């Protein structure tokens, strides 16, 4: 690409990952279609996006660790149960018709966005719930299933994790986004990226440095904004992204 298109790709990646880091997911909404728009075939765009998305988690994790936005124990729990699902998802992705799976996921994410919009006080304050052994066990199963989605589809799993943490465990949106960006953005996506590379999926290496830079800076900027804005603002960003991602997956 010439320098103008390269700069446009960087800006698109920066915007996509800033919004994702602020809302708790949805980077694939812009970055993945952007790669296809610039001429990459579907499979190449998918593999390249998955590798680049790891930098989103790295940038966001750095900012959230610096501000101590989450519990280390809960983060380890999320990484463990979700990673099991990611590995399963990476191995069964070829068994699921992609169009059907994406439409079902789109309906689910739209429903979650509508639910969050109707529940005005959801995630505004931390209200501890289901944090006993049974609650953690059931929650682990739910997160494992979301991990399967993460391992097999291109977008949406981070948004599911964010709302699951808010609704099931009673975290505020700020806490949920911080946990999602560390666990899903860095570790789940990292495992997914390794699985994609080991499967021999084609990665377009010339564009990767630009995407990694945009993803890292976007992740860092979004995480910084999360510490500055209220739960109400973050909740609104989450709902806008869920509507956009849901419609994109359906249409």
C-alpha atoms as a PDB file:
ATOM      1  CA  UNK A   1       0.000   0.000   0.000  1.00  0.00           C
ATOM      2  CA  UNK A   2       1.039   3.628  -0.408  1.00  0.00           C
ATOM      3  CA  UNK A   3       1.491   5.798   2.659  1.00  0.00           C
ATOM      4  CA  UNK A   4      -2.048   7.258   2.435  1.00  0.00           C
ATOM      5  CA  UNK A   5      -3.704   3.831   2.590  1.00  0.00           C
ATOM      6  CA  UNK A   6      -1.272   2.733   5.281  1.00  0.00           C
ATOM      7  CA  UNK A   7      -2.227   5.764   7.385  1.00  0.00           C
ATOM      8  CA  UNK A   8      -5.933   5.063   6.768  1.00  0.00           C
ATOM      9  CA  UNK A   9      -5.434   1.454   7.924  1.00  0.00           C
ATOM     10  CA  UNK A  10      -3.667   2.704  11.067  1.00  0.00           C
ATOM     11  CA  UNK A  11      -6.459   5.190  11.869  1.00  0.00           C
ATOM     12  CA  UNK A  12      -9.121   2.528  11.331  1.00  0.00           C
ATOM     13  CA  UNK A  13      -7.308   0.099  13.602  1.00  0.00           C
ATOM     14  CA  UNK A  14      -6.759   2.798  16.240  1.00  0.00           C
ATOM     15  CA  UNK A  15     -10.445   3.781  16.239  1.00  0.00           C
ATOM     16  CA  UNK A  16     -11.702   0.175  16.302  1.00  0.00           C
ATOM     17  CA  UNK A  17      -9.481  -0.832  19.196  1.00  0.00           C
ATOM     18  CA  UNK A  18     -10.067   2.361  21.208  1.00  0.00           C
ATOM     19  CA  UNK A  19     -13.832   1.760  21.074  1.00  0.00           C
ATOM     20  CA  UNK A  20     -13.359  -1.930  21.892  1.00  0.00           C
ATOM     21  CA  UNK A  21     -11.121  -1.177  24.859  1.00  0.00           C
ATOM     22  CA  UNK A  22     -13.575   1.421  26.167  1.00  0.00           C
ATOM     23  CA  UNK A  23     -16.634  -0.799  25.717  1.00  0.00           C
ATOM     24  CA  UNK A  24     -15.271  -4.251  26.536  1.00  0.00           C
ATOM     25  CA  UNK A  25     -15.096  -5.757  23.042  1.00  0.00           C
ATOM     26  CA  UNK A  26     -16.094  -5.374  19.408  1.00  0.00           C
ATOM     27  CA  UNK A  27     -12.779  -4.572  17.676  1.00  0.00           C
ATOM     28  CA  UNK A  28     -13.678  -6.988  14.894  1.00  0.00           C
ATOM     29  CA  UNK A  29     -16.638  -4.757  13.990  1.00  0.00           C
ATOM     30  CA  UNK A  30     -14.342  -2.298  12.159  1.00  0.00           C
ATOM     31  CA  UNK A  31     -10.882  -3.816  11.878  1.00  0.00           C
ATOM     32  CA  UNK A  32     -11.846  -7.119  10.254  1.00  0.00           C
ATOM     33  CA  UNK A  33     -14.082  -5.602   7.501  1.00  0.00           C
ATOM     34  CA  UNK A  34     -11.426  -2.903   6.984  1.00  0.00           C
ATOM     35  CA  UNK A  35      -8.869  -5.538   6.028  1.00  0.00           C
ATOM     36  CA  UNK A  36     -11.311  -7.031   3.517  1.00  0.00           C
ATOM     37  CA  UNK A  37     -12.044  -3.532   2.151  1.00  0.00           C
ATOM     38  CA  UNK A  38      -8.324  -3.027   1.518  1.00  0.00           C
ATOM     39  CA  UNK A  39      -8.219  -6.207  -0.529  1.00  0.00           C
ATOM     40  CA  UNK A  40      -7.394  -9.176   1.704  1.00  0.00           C
ATOM     41  CA  UNK A  41      -9.317 -12.438   1.132  1.00  0.00           C
ATOM     42  CA  UNK A  42     -11.618 -13.504   3.983  1.00  0.00           C
ATOM     43  CA  UNK A  43      -9.328 -16.195   5.447  1.00  0.00           C
ATOM     44  CA  UNK A  44      -6.228 -13.986   5.264  1.00  0.00           C
ATOM     45  CA  UNK A  45      -8.088 -11.044   6.854  1.00  0.00           C
ATOM     46  CA  UNK A  46      -9.376 -13.307   9.658  1.00  0.00           C
ATOM     47  CA  UNK A  47      -5.941 -14.689  10.521  1.00  0.00           C
ATOM     48  CA  UNK A  48      -4.273 -11.259  10.332  1.00  0.00           C
ATOM     49  CA  UNK A  49      -6.980  -9.667  12.504  1.00  0.00           C
ATOM     50  CA  UNK A  50      -6.719 -12.379  15.177  1.00  0.00           C
ATOM     51  CA  UNK A  51      -2.955 -11.932  15.475  1.00  0.00           C
ATOM     52  CA  UNK A  52      -3.224  -8.128  15.594  1.00  0.00           C
ATOM     53  CA  UNK A  53      -6.001  -8.215  18.219  1.00  0.00           C
ATOM     54  CA  UNK A  54      -3.541  -9.568  20.797  1.00  0.00           C
ATOM     55  CA  UNK A  55      -1.908  -6.110  20.858  1.00  0.00           C
ATOM     56  CA  UNK A  56      -5.286  -4.647  21.894  1.00  0.00           C
ATOM     57  CA  UNK A  57      -5.245  -6.785  25.023  1.00  0.00           C
ATOM     58  CA  UNK A  58      -1.593  -5.966  25.678  1.00  0.00           C
ATOM     59  CA  UNK A  59      -2.161  -2.215  25.501  1.00  0.00           C
ATOM     60  CA  UNK A  60      -5.329  -2.328  27.613  1.00  0.00           C
ATOM     61  CA  UNK A  61      -3.817  -4.739  30.138  1.00  0.00           C
ATOM     62  CA  UNK A  62      -0.863  -2.420  30.735  1.00  0.00           C
ATOM     63  CA  UNK A  63      -3.153   0.511  31.568  1.00  0.00           C
ATOM     64  CA  UNK A  64      -5.498  -1.535  33.774  1.00  0.00           C
ATOM     65  CA  UNK A  65      -2.639  -3.212  35.654  1.00  0.00           C
ATOM     66  CA  UNK A  66      -1.134   0.231  36.273  1.00  0.00           C
ATOM     67  CA  UNK A  67      -4.428   1.456  37.767  1.00  0.00           C
ATOM     68  CA  UNK A  68      -5.100  -1.846  39.620  1.00  0.00           C
ATOM     69  CA  UNK A  69      -8.566  -2.079  38.051  1.00  0.00           C
ATOM     70  CA  UNK A  70      -9.192  -5.772  38.739  1.00  0.00           C
ATOM     71  CA  UNK A  71      -8.611  -8.689  41.105  1.00  0.00           C
ATOM     72  CA  UNK A  72      -5.686 -10.918  40.109  1.00  0.00           C
ATOM     73  CA  UNK A  73      -7.464 -14.022  41.424  1.00  0.00           C
ATOM     74  CA  UNK A  74     -10.580 -13.364  39.353  1.00  0.00           C
ATOM     75  CA  UNK A  75      -8.412 -12.667  36.292  1.00  0.00           C
ATOM     76  CA  UNK A  76      -6.641 -16.034  36.660  1.00  0.00           C
ATOM     77  CA  UNK A  77     -10.027 -17.751  36.990  1.00  0.00           C
ATOM     78  CA  UNK A  78     -11.327 -16.075  33.811  1.00  0.00           C
ATOM     79  CA  UNK A  79      -8.180 -16.928  31.872  1.00  0.00           C
ATOM     80  CA  UNK A  80      -8.334 -20.587  32.921  1.00  0.00           C
ATOM     81  CA  UNK A  81     -12.008 -21.343  32.243  1.00  0.00           C
ATOM     82  CA  UNK A  82     -12.147 -19.247  29.086  1.00  0.00           C
ATOM     83  CA  UNK A  83      -8.993 -20.727  27.582  1.00  0.00           C
ATOM     84  CA  UNK A  84     -10.557 -24.196  27.724  1.00  0.00           C
ATOM     85  CA  UNK A  85     -13.468 -22.906  25.654  1.00  0.00           C
ATOM     86  CA  UNK A  86     -11.162 -21.100  23.207  1.00  0.00           C
ATOM     87  CA  UNK A  87      -9.257 -24.314  22.468  1.00  0.00           C
ATOM     88  CA  UNK A  88     -12.521 -26.216  21.972  1.00  0.00           C
ATOM     89  CA  UNK A  89     -13.870 -23.476  19.706  1.00  0.00           C
ATOM     90  CA  UNK A  90     -10.720 -23.426  17.585  1.00  0.00           C
ATOM     91  CA  UNK A  91     -11.098 -27.161  16.988  1.00  0.00           C
ATOM     92  CA  UNK A  92     -14.829 -27.250  16.181  1.00  0.00           C
ATOM     93  CA  UNK A  93     -15.050 -24.074  14.092  1.00  0.00           C
ATOM     94  CA  UNK A  94     -15.052 -26.048  10.849  1.00  0.00           C
ATOM     95  CA  UNK A  95     -18.015 -28.135  12.033  1.00  0.00           C
ATOM     96  CA  UNK A  96     -20.341 -25.130  12.408  1.00  0.00           C
ATOM     97  CA  UNK A  97     -21.887 -23.375   9.374  1.00  0.00           C
ATOM     98  CA  UNK A  98     -20.372 -19.894   9.674  1.00  0.00           C
ATOM     99  CA  UNK A  99     -23.406 -17.961   8.362  1.00  0.00           C
ATOM    100  CA  UNK A 100     -25.761 -19.652  10.826  1.00  0.00           C
ATOM    101  CA  UNK A 101     -23.368 -19.214  13.748  1.00  0.00           C
ATOM    102  CA  UNK A 102     -22.820 -15.516  13.033  1.00  0.00           C
ATOM    103  CA  UNK A 103     -26.551 -14.804  12.732  1.00  0.00           C
ATOM    104  CA  UNK A 104     -27.283 -16.587  16.016  1.00  0.00           C
ATOM    105  CA  UNK A 105     -24.471 -14.639  17.692  1.00  0.00           C
ATOM    106  CA  UNK A 106     -25.795 -11.396  16.188  1.00  0.00           C
ATOM    107  CA  UNK A 107     -29.266 -12.004  17.631  1.00  0.00           C
ATOM    108  CA  UNK A 108     -27.749 -12.825  21.035  1.00  0.00           C
ATOM    109  CA  UNK A 109     -25.592  -9.686  21.124  1.00  0.00           C
ATOM    110  CA  UNK A 110     -28.484  -7.460  20.022  1.00  0.00           C
ATOM    111  CA  UNK A 111     -30.637  -8.949  22.778  1.00  0.00           C
ATOM    112  CA  UNK A 112     -27.905  -8.260  25.331  1.00  0.00           C
ATOM    113  CA  UNK A 113     -27.608  -4.653  24.188  1.00  0.00           C
ATOM    114  CA  UNK A 114     -31.370  -4.146  24.462  1.00  0.00           C
ATOM    115  CA  UNK A 115     -31.380  -5.790  27.896  1.00  0.00           C
ATOM    116  CA  UNK A 116     -28.595  -3.490  29.099  1.00  0.00           C
ATOM    117  CA  UNK A 117     -30.439  -0.446  27.724  1.00  0.00           C
ATOM    118  CA  UNK A 118     -33.661  -1.376  29.543  1.00  0.00           C
ATOM    119  CA  UNK A 119     -31.839  -2.007  32.843  1.00  0.00           C
ATOM    120  CA  UNK A 120     -30.848   1.578  33.646  1.00  0.00           C
ATOM    121  CA  UNK A 121     -28.957   0.788  36.857  1.00  0.00           C
ATOM    122  CA  UNK A 122     -27.198  -2.331  35.567  1.00  0.00           C
ATOM    123  CA  UNK A 123     -23.472  -2.184  36.237  1.00  0.00           C
ATOM    124  CA  UNK A 124     -23.508   1.312  37.715  1.00  0.00           C
ATOM    125  CA  UNK A 125     -22.313   0.050  41.091  1.00  0.00           C
ATOM    126  CA  UNK A 126     -20.722  -3.214  42.172  1.00  0.00           C
ATOM    127  CA  UNK A 127     -23.315  -5.527  43.718  1.00  0.00           C
ATOM    128  CA  UNK A 128     -21.651  -8.825  44.622  1.00  0.00           C
ATOM    129  CA  UNK A 129     -23.595 -11.900  43.525  1.00  0.00           C
ATOM    130  CA  UNK A 130     -22.929 -15.583  42.806  1.00  0.00           C
ATOM    131  CA  UNK A 131     -19.449 -15.364  44.330  1.00  0.00           C
ATOM    132  CA  UNK A 132     -19.751 -18.613  46.260  1.00  0.00           C
ATOM    133  CA  UNK A 133     -18.328 -21.977  45.073  1.00  0.00           C
ATOM    134  CA  UNK A 134     -21.531 -22.911  43.209  1.00  0.00           C
ATOM    135  CA  UNK A 135     -21.765 -19.476  41.601  1.00  0.00           C
ATOM    136  CA  UNK A 136     -18.150 -19.571  40.434  1.00  0.00           C
ATOM    137  CA  UNK A 137     -18.698 -23.091  39.044  1.00  0.00           C
ATOM    138  CA  UNK A 138     -21.831 -22.157  37.067  1.00  0.00           C
ATOM    139  CA  UNK A 139     -20.200 -18.922  35.961  1.00  0.00           C
ATOM    140  CA  UNK A 140     -17.167 -20.887  34.781  1.00  0.00           C
ATOM    141  CA  UNK A 141     -19.372 -23.006  32.541  1.00  0.00           C
ATOM    142  CA  UNK A 142     -20.927 -19.859  31.068  1.00  0.00           C
ATOM    143  CA  UNK A 143     -17.527 -18.284  30.452  1.00  0.00           C
ATOM    144  CA  UNK A 144     -16.249 -21.517  28.919  1.00  0.00           C
ATOM    145  CA  UNK A 145     -19.125 -21.445  26.421  1.00  0.00           C
ATOM    146  CA  UNK A 146     -18.290 -17.838  25.549  1.00  0.00           C
ATOM    147  CA  UNK A 147     -14.686 -18.987  25.091  1.00  0.00           C
ATOM    148  CA  UNK A 148     -15.925 -21.457  22.479  1.00  0.00           C
ATOM    149  CA  UNK A 149     -17.480 -18.503  20.613  1.00  0.00           C
ATOM    150  CA  UNK A 150     -14.201 -16.587  20.919  1.00  0.00           C
ATOM    151  CA  UNK A 151     -12.244 -19.466  19.421  1.00  0.00           C
ATOM    152  CA  UNK A 152     -14.570 -19.969  16.482  1.00  0.00           C
ATOM    153  CA  UNK A 153     -15.906 -16.547  15.411  1.00  0.00           C
ATOM    154  CA  UNK A 154     -14.404 -13.162  14.576  1.00  0.00           C
ATOM    155  CA  UNK A 155     -16.222 -10.702  16.842  1.00  0.00           C
ATOM    156  CA  UNK A 156     -18.556 -10.305  19.783  1.00  0.00           C
ATOM    157  CA  UNK A 157     -17.174 -12.570  22.507  1.00  0.00           C
ATOM    158  CA  UNK A 158     -15.651  -9.723  24.527  1.00  0.00           C
ATOM    159  CA  UNK A 159     -19.026  -7.974  24.691  1.00  0.00           C
ATOM    160  CA  UNK A 160     -20.611 -11.213  25.930  1.00  0.00           C
ATOM    161  CA  UNK A 161     -17.986 -11.581  28.670  1.00  0.00           C
ATOM    162  CA  UNK A 162     -18.426  -7.956  29.762  1.00  0.00           C
ATOM    163  CA  UNK A 163     -22.180  -8.249  30.253  1.00  0.00           C
ATOM    164  CA  UNK A 164     -21.859 -11.719  31.799  1.00  0.00           C
ATOM    165  CA  UNK A 165     -19.503 -10.343  34.463  1.00  0.00           C
ATOM    166  CA  UNK A 166     -21.897  -7.478  35.142  1.00  0.00           C
ATOM    167  CA  UNK A 167     -25.072  -9.568  35.247  1.00  0.00           C
ATOM    168  CA  UNK A 168     -23.914 -12.805  36.872  1.00  0.00           C
ATOM    169  CA  UNK A 169     -21.175 -11.675  39.249  1.00  0.00           C
ATOM    170  CA  UNK A 170     -22.425  -8.118  39.851  1.00  0.00           C
ATOM    171  CA  UNK A 171     -19.336  -6.208  38.725  1.00  0.00           C
ATOM    172  CA  UNK A 172     -19.626  -2.591  37.604  1.00  0.00           C
ATOM    173  CA  UNK A 173     -19.032  -1.866  33.933  1.00  0.00           C
ATOM    174  CA  UNK A 174     -15.592  -0.418  34.713  1.00  0.00           C
ATOM    175  CA  UNK A 175     -14.517  -3.577  36.544  1.00  0.00           C
ATOM    176  CA  UNK A 176     -16.012  -5.858  33.874  1.00  0.00           C
ATOM    177  CA  UNK A 177     -14.311  -4.026  31.000  1.00  0.00           C
ATOM    178  CA  UNK A 178     -10.934  -4.165  32.778  1.00  0.00           C
ATOM    179  CA  UNK A 179     -11.239  -7.924  33.335  1.00  0.00           C
ATOM    180  CA  UNK A 180     -12.448  -8.501  29.773  1.00  0.00           C
ATOM    181  CA  UNK A 181      -9.602  -6.554  28.191  1.00  0.00           C
ATOM    182  CA  UNK A 182      -6.962  -8.422  30.181  1.00  0.00           C
ATOM    183  CA  UNK A 183      -8.406 -11.924  29.972  1.00  0.00           C
ATOM    184  CA  UNK A 184     -10.145 -11.906  26.590  1.00  0.00           C
ATOM    185  CA  UNK A 185      -8.127  -9.242  24.789  1.00  0.00           C
ATOM    186  CA  UNK A 186      -4.738 -10.587  25.771  1.00  0.00           C
ATOM    187  CA  UNK A 187      -4.945 -14.229  26.843  1.00  0.00           C
ATOM    188  CA  UNK A 188      -7.992 -15.622  25.013  1.00  0.00           C
ATOM    189  CA  UNK A 189      -7.049 -13.820  21.793  1.00  0.00           C
ATOM    190  CA  UNK A 190      -3.417 -14.796  22.274  1.00  0.00           C
ATOM    191  CA  UNK A 191      -4.339 -18.477  22.498  1.00  0.00           C
ATOM    192  CA  UNK A 192      -6.651 -18.046  19.501  1.00  0.00           C
ATOM    193  CA  UNK A 193      -3.873 -16.362  17.538  1.00  0.00           C
ATOM    194  CA  UNK A 194      -1.471 -19.207  18.284  1.00  0.00           C
ATOM    195  CA  UNK A 195      -4.115 -21.740  17.233  1.00  0.00           C
ATOM    196  CA  UNK A 196      -4.677 -19.876  13.964  1.00  0.00           C
ATOM    197  CA  UNK A 197      -0.944 -19.747  13.243  1.00  0.00           C
ATOM    198  CA  UNK A 198      -0.453 -23.441  14.052  1.00  0.00           C
ATOM    199  CA  UNK A 199      -3.354 -24.341  11.781  1.00  0.00           C
ATOM    200  CA  UNK A 200      -1.406 -22.774   8.938  1.00  0.00           C
ATOM    201  CA  UNK A 201      -3.841 -19.935   8.279  1.00  0.00           C
ATOM    202  CA  UNK A 202      -2.311 -17.335   5.933  1.00  0.00           C
ATOM    203  CA  UNK A 203      -1.254 -14.103   7.666  1.00  0.00           C
ATOM    204  CA  UNK A 204      -0.492 -10.973   5.661  1.00  0.00           C
ATOM    205  CA  UNK A 205       2.720  -9.966   7.407  1.00  0.00           C
ATOM    206  CA  UNK A 206       3.403  -6.634   5.588  1.00  0.00           C
ATOM    207  CA  UNK A 207       0.341  -5.026   7.215  1.00  0.00           C
ATOM    208  CA  UNK A 208       0.819  -6.556  10.645  1.00  0.00           C
ATOM    209  CA  UNK A 209       3.185  -3.900  12.131  1.00  0.00           C
ATOM    210  CA  UNK A 210       0.678  -1.117  11.357  1.00  0.00           C
ATOM    211  CA  UNK A 211      -2.192  -3.153  12.824  1.00  0.00           C
ATOM    212  CA  UNK A 212      -0.211  -4.074  15.931  1.00  0.00           C
ATOM    213  CA  UNK A 213       0.658  -0.424  16.549  1.00  0.00           C
ATOM    214  CA  UNK A 214      -2.951   0.721  16.044  1.00  0.00           C
ATOM    215  CA  UNK A 215      -4.259  -2.091  18.265  1.00  0.00           C
ATOM    216  CA  UNK A 216      -1.774  -1.419  21.077  1.00  0.00           C
ATOM    217  CA  UNK A 217      -2.297   2.351  21.098  1.00  0.00           C
ATOM    218  CA  UNK A 218      -6.073   1.924  20.806  1.00  0.00           C
ATOM    219  CA  UNK A 219      -6.129  -0.562  23.668  1.00  0.00           C
ATOM    220  CA  UNK A 220      -4.067   1.776  25.843  1.00  0.00           C
ATOM    221  CA  UNK A 221      -6.161   4.847  24.989  1.00  0.00           C
ATOM    222  CA  UNK A 222      -9.460   3.052  25.565  1.00  0.00           C
ATOM    223  CA  UNK A 223      -8.285   1.697  28.917  1.00  0.00           C
ATOM    224  CA  UNK A 224      -7.139   5.180  29.943  1.00  0.00           C
ATOM    225  CA  UNK A 225     -10.543   6.626  29.037  1.00  0.00           C
ATOM    226  CA  UNK A 226     -12.230   3.853  31.031  1.00  0.00           C
ATOM    227  CA  UNK A 227     -10.485   5.096  34.185  1.00  0.00           C
ATOM    228  CA  UNK A 228     -11.612   8.660  33.435  1.00  0.00           C
ATOM    229  CA  UNK A 229     -15.266   8.199  32.505  1.00  0.00           C
ATOM    230  CA  UNK A 230     -18.200   7.061  34.645  1.00  0.00           C
ATOM    231  CA  UNK A 231     -19.902   3.674  34.526  1.00  0.00           C
ATOM    232  CA  UNK A 232     -22.857   5.383  32.809  1.00  0.00           C
ATOM    233  CA  UNK A 233     -20.697   6.539  29.882  1.00  0.00           C
ATOM    234  CA  UNK A 234     -19.033   3.127  29.566  1.00  0.00           C
ATOM    235  CA  UNK A 235     -22.441   1.422  29.695  1.00  0.00           C
ATOM    236  CA  UNK A 236     -23.646   3.639  26.837  1.00  0.00           C
ATOM    237  CA  UNK A 237     -20.532   2.839  24.772  1.00  0.00           C
ATOM    238  CA  UNK A 238     -21.115  -0.852  25.429  1.00  0.00           C
ATOM    239  CA  UNK A 239     -24.717  -0.627  24.226  1.00  0.00           C
ATOM    240  CA  UNK A 240     -23.794   1.271  21.056  1.00  0.00           C
ATOM    241  CA  UNK A 241     -21.156  -1.357  20.220  1.00  0.00           C
ATOM    242  CA  UNK A 242     -23.532  -4.265  20.894  1.00  0.00           C
ATOM    243  CA  UNK A 243     -26.139  -2.795  18.535  1.00  0.00           C
ATOM    244  CA  UNK A 244     -23.507  -2.184  15.851  1.00  0.00           C
ATOM    245  CA  UNK A 245     -21.890  -5.607  16.169  1.00  0.00           C
ATOM    246  CA  UNK A 246     -25.253  -7.369  16.316  1.00  0.00           C
ATOM    247  CA  UNK A 247     -26.515  -5.660  13.150  1.00  0.00           C
ATOM    248  CA  UNK A 248     -23.219  -6.316  11.366  1.00  0.00           C
ATOM    249  CA  UNK A 249     -23.348 -10.030  12.158  1.00  0.00           C
ATOM    250  CA  UNK A 250     -26.948 -10.230  10.949  1.00  0.00           C
ATOM    251  CA  UNK A 251     -26.503  -8.103   7.806  1.00  0.00           C
END
